[in-house]
């Protein structure tokens, strides 16, 4: 289960966007309840990716869930877009997150069933709607160093807690985060995904689509 915190660490900058706003401004999109990872988080197993029995994820919880949110002023939005304050009648639709110094705490529980060796890696993809924001490959064992763990990861039950800093600002829209995790021999350890839609305030009557 140690791997899951490393995978989540890589996921969390965008995945903090998966639990930022209250139910009026964000909505988790669940495709299949059978794939949902138990706990208070939007994480699911990927529907089309068969794992090779390395781990069993029992639960993942995020806290606080959700943190607070605020609406960006028109002047601030214009400043972000063009470099100086600009009034905009629609700027109040631009929802951004203000962490106010809060951290996001992730607690993950599960069982490692096969040893995870050096050379394991994560293929990470982040999309905003149809736009791919990020696609990268990360060293899984290197990521584990952030929580004082190292490879090889031996079989056994694990309970891991990690605290990460929340992003300051996130625009509305639909986000998808996927972490496909592989062992050094190419076998799939797991694949995690989450999709969330951040609606613009007052736009629910239009479906909130971006």
Protein backbone atom coordinates (compact mmCIF):
# COMPACT_ATOMS: atom_id res chain seq x y z
CA UNK A 1 0.00 0.00 0.00
CA UNK A 2 3.01 2.28 0.29
CA UNK A 3 2.87 2.70 -3.48
CA UNK A 4 -0.55 4.33 -3.26
CA UNK A 5 0.69 7.34 -1.32
CA UNK A 6 3.45 7.86 -3.87
CA UNK A 7 0.90 7.60 -6.67
CA UNK A 8 -1.38 9.95 -4.80
CA UNK A 9 1.49 12.35 -4.17
CA UNK A 10 1.92 12.64 -7.91
CA UNK A 11 -1.84 12.90 -8.37
CA UNK A 12 -2.43 15.40 -5.62
CA UNK A 13 -1.56 18.73 -7.17
CA UNK A 14 -4.34 18.21 -9.70
CA UNK A 15 -6.24 15.83 -7.48
CA UNK A 16 -6.65 18.48 -4.84
CA UNK A 17 -8.88 19.90 -7.54
CA UNK A 18 -11.01 16.84 -7.07
CA UNK A 19 -12.26 17.87 -3.64
CA UNK A 20 -12.05 21.63 -3.48
CA UNK A 21 -15.53 23.07 -3.66
CA UNK A 22 -18.84 22.46 -1.99
CA UNK A 23 -21.57 20.50 -3.73
CA UNK A 24 -23.05 23.62 -5.32
CA UNK A 25 -19.97 24.33 -7.40
CA UNK A 26 -18.41 20.93 -8.01
CA UNK A 27 -19.65 17.47 -8.77
CA UNK A 28 -17.75 14.21 -8.87
CA UNK A 29 -18.53 12.18 -11.97
CA UNK A 30 -18.93 8.50 -11.13
CA UNK A 31 -18.90 6.09 -14.05
CA UNK A 32 -19.14 2.79 -12.16
CA UNK A 33 -19.74 2.26 -8.46
CA UNK A 34 -17.90 -1.07 -8.70
CA UNK A 35 -14.71 0.83 -9.58
CA UNK A 36 -14.99 3.40 -6.79
CA UNK A 37 -12.28 3.21 -4.15
CA UNK A 38 -13.94 3.22 -0.69
CA UNK A 39 -13.60 6.37 1.39
CA UNK A 40 -14.11 10.12 1.09
CA UNK A 41 -12.35 10.78 -2.21
CA UNK A 42 -13.21 10.81 -5.94
CA UNK A 43 -10.67 8.12 -6.81
CA UNK A 44 -11.66 5.07 -8.85
CA UNK A 45 -9.89 2.16 -10.47
CA UNK A 46 -9.47 2.57 -14.24
CA UNK A 47 -12.19 0.62 -16.03
CA UNK A 48 -10.05 -0.86 -18.81
CA UNK A 49 -6.75 -1.54 -17.01
CA UNK A 50 -6.18 -4.95 -15.43
CA UNK A 51 -3.79 -4.94 -12.47
CA UNK A 52 -1.50 -7.87 -11.66
CA UNK A 53 -2.37 -8.41 -7.99
CA UNK A 54 0.32 -6.22 -6.44
CA UNK A 55 -1.94 -4.26 -4.11
CA UNK A 56 -5.40 -4.04 -2.63
CA UNK A 57 -6.54 -0.48 -1.86
CA UNK A 58 -9.04 -0.62 0.99
CA UNK A 59 -9.78 3.09 1.38
CA UNK A 60 -8.58 6.61 0.57
CA UNK A 61 -9.85 9.62 2.53
CA UNK A 62 -9.24 13.34 1.93
CA UNK A 63 -9.63 15.95 4.69
CA UNK A 64 -10.92 18.60 4.79
CA UNK A 65 -13.58 17.52 2.33
CA UNK A 66 -14.35 20.03 0.97
CA UNK A 67 -12.10 23.03 1.73
CA UNK A 68 -13.49 26.56 1.24
CA UNK A 69 -13.87 28.41 -2.07
CA UNK A 70 -14.28 32.01 -3.15
CA UNK A 71 -15.30 33.90 -6.28
CA UNK A 72 -12.55 35.88 -7.96
CA UNK A 73 -13.23 39.59 -8.44
CA UNK A 74 -13.56 40.92 -12.02
CA UNK A 75 -10.49 43.08 -11.55
CA UNK A 76 -8.35 40.17 -10.35
CA UNK A 77 -9.53 37.94 -13.19
CA UNK A 78 -8.62 40.56 -15.78
CA UNK A 79 -5.25 40.99 -14.14
CA UNK A 80 -4.60 37.26 -14.37
CA UNK A 81 -5.60 37.10 -18.04
CA UNK A 82 -4.03 40.24 -19.52
CA UNK A 83 -1.63 41.42 -16.83
CA UNK A 84 -3.59 44.36 -15.44
CA UNK A 85 -7.01 44.91 -13.78
CA UNK A 86 -9.90 44.74 -16.26
CA UNK A 87 -13.60 44.90 -15.37
CA UNK A 88 -15.64 42.02 -16.78
CA UNK A 89 -19.35 41.42 -16.16
CA UNK A 90 -18.79 37.68 -16.39
CA UNK A 91 -15.72 37.50 -14.20
CA UNK A 92 -17.72 36.55 -11.13
CA UNK A 93 -18.34 33.18 -12.80
CA UNK A 94 -14.66 32.40 -12.48
CA UNK A 95 -14.45 30.21 -9.38
CA UNK A 96 -11.08 29.89 -7.70
CA UNK A 97 -9.94 28.06 -4.63
CA UNK A 98 -8.47 29.88 -1.64
CA UNK A 99 -6.81 27.43 0.71
CA UNK A 100 -6.33 30.09 3.41
CA UNK A 101 -3.28 28.20 4.61
CA UNK A 102 -5.08 24.86 4.81
CA UNK A 103 -3.40 21.59 3.97
CA UNK A 104 -5.03 18.56 2.42
CA UNK A 105 -4.55 15.38 4.45
CA UNK A 106 -4.73 12.04 2.66
CA UNK A 107 -5.13 8.79 4.55
CA UNK A 108 -4.75 5.56 2.57
CA UNK A 109 -5.19 1.99 3.78
CA UNK A 110 -4.51 -1.27 2.00
CA UNK A 111 -2.30 -4.28 1.50
CA UNK A 112 0.81 -4.86 -0.60
CA UNK A 113 0.66 -8.41 -1.96
CA UNK A 114 3.76 -8.52 -4.18
CA UNK A 115 7.15 -6.90 -3.61
CA UNK A 116 7.59 -3.62 -5.52
CA UNK A 117 11.19 -3.19 -6.70
CA UNK A 118 13.32 -0.28 -7.89
CA UNK A 119 12.38 0.75 -11.41
CA UNK A 120 8.63 0.96 -10.75
CA UNK A 121 7.07 4.04 -12.33
CA UNK A 122 3.88 6.08 -12.80
CA UNK A 123 2.43 7.30 -16.11
CA UNK A 124 0.50 10.43 -15.10
CA UNK A 125 -2.01 12.24 -17.33
CA UNK A 126 -4.05 15.33 -16.43
CA UNK A 127 -6.76 16.68 -18.75
CA UNK A 128 -8.92 19.81 -18.60
CA UNK A 129 -11.93 18.86 -20.69
CA UNK A 130 -10.41 17.61 -23.94
CA UNK A 131 -7.17 19.52 -23.39
CA UNK A 132 -4.22 17.54 -22.07
CA UNK A 133 -2.47 19.66 -19.48
CA UNK A 134 0.17 17.16 -18.43
CA UNK A 135 1.56 13.79 -19.46
CA UNK A 136 4.65 12.60 -17.66
CA UNK A 137 6.46 9.56 -16.32
CA UNK A 138 7.57 9.58 -12.67
CA UNK A 139 9.82 7.24 -10.70
CA UNK A 140 7.57 5.54 -8.14
CA UNK A 141 10.35 4.74 -5.67
CA UNK A 142 11.63 8.31 -5.86
CA UNK A 143 8.15 9.61 -5.06
CA UNK A 144 8.03 7.34 -2.01
CA UNK A 145 10.96 9.27 -0.58
CA UNK A 146 8.57 12.13 0.15
CA UNK A 147 6.95 9.98 2.84
CA UNK A 148 10.22 8.47 4.10
CA UNK A 149 9.71 5.14 2.37
CA UNK A 150 11.97 3.30 -0.03
CA UNK A 151 11.99 0.34 -2.39
CA UNK A 152 11.78 -2.58 -2.22
CA UNK A 153 8.27 -2.44 -0.76
CA UNK A 154 7.58 -5.75 0.93
CA UNK A 155 4.14 -7.41 1.25
CA UNK A 156 2.01 -6.42 4.24
CA UNK A 157 -0.80 -4.18 5.50
CA UNK A 158 -0.21 -0.44 5.39
CA UNK A 159 -1.86 2.70 6.78
CA UNK A 160 -0.27 5.85 5.38
CA UNK A 161 -1.09 9.51 6.08
CA UNK A 162 0.30 12.35 3.98
CA UNK A 163 -0.23 16.11 4.07
CA UNK A 164 0.07 18.21 0.91
CA UNK A 165 -0.32 21.90 0.18
CA UNK A 166 -3.49 22.76 -1.72
CA UNK A 167 -3.29 24.77 -4.96
CA UNK A 168 -4.20 28.44 -4.61
CA UNK A 169 -6.45 28.88 -7.65
CA UNK A 170 -8.32 26.53 -9.98
CA UNK A 171 -10.60 27.57 -12.88
CA UNK A 172 -13.99 25.90 -13.48
CA UNK A 173 -14.36 23.02 -15.91
CA UNK A 174 -14.06 19.25 -16.09
CA UNK A 175 -10.81 17.69 -14.92
CA UNK A 176 -9.60 14.12 -15.35
CA UNK A 177 -6.53 12.76 -13.57
CA UNK A 178 -5.11 9.30 -14.31
CA UNK A 179 -2.13 7.55 -12.72
CA UNK A 180 -1.17 4.25 -14.35
CA UNK A 181 1.36 2.53 -12.07
CA UNK A 182 3.79 -0.16 -13.28
CA UNK A 183 6.37 -2.47 -11.72
CA UNK A 184 9.92 -2.56 -13.07
CA UNK A 185 9.05 -5.67 -15.11
CA UNK A 186 6.20 -3.85 -16.86
CA UNK A 187 3.36 -5.48 -14.92
CA UNK A 188 0.61 -3.09 -13.90
CA UNK A 189 0.50 -2.39 -10.16
CA UNK A 190 -2.70 -0.37 -10.39
CA UNK A 191 -4.41 2.39 -12.33
CA UNK A 192 -6.19 5.21 -10.49
CA UNK A 193 -8.43 7.87 -12.01
CA UNK A 194 -10.74 10.66 -10.91
CA UNK A 195 -13.02 13.04 -12.80
CA UNK A 196 -14.62 16.15 -11.35
CA UNK A 197 -16.64 18.99 -12.82
CA UNK A 198 -16.28 22.49 -11.34
CA UNK A 199 -19.40 24.47 -12.29
CA UNK A 200 -19.54 28.24 -12.56
CA UNK A 201 -21.80 29.73 -9.86
CA UNK A 202 -25.33 30.30 -11.15
CA UNK A 203 -24.76 28.18 -14.25
CA UNK A 204 -26.38 24.94 -13.05
CA UNK A 205 -29.54 25.81 -14.96
CA UNK A 206 -27.47 25.58 -18.14
CA UNK A 207 -25.88 22.33 -17.08
CA UNK A 208 -22.63 24.02 -16.08
CA UNK A 209 -20.84 22.76 -19.19
CA UNK A 210 -17.59 24.35 -20.30
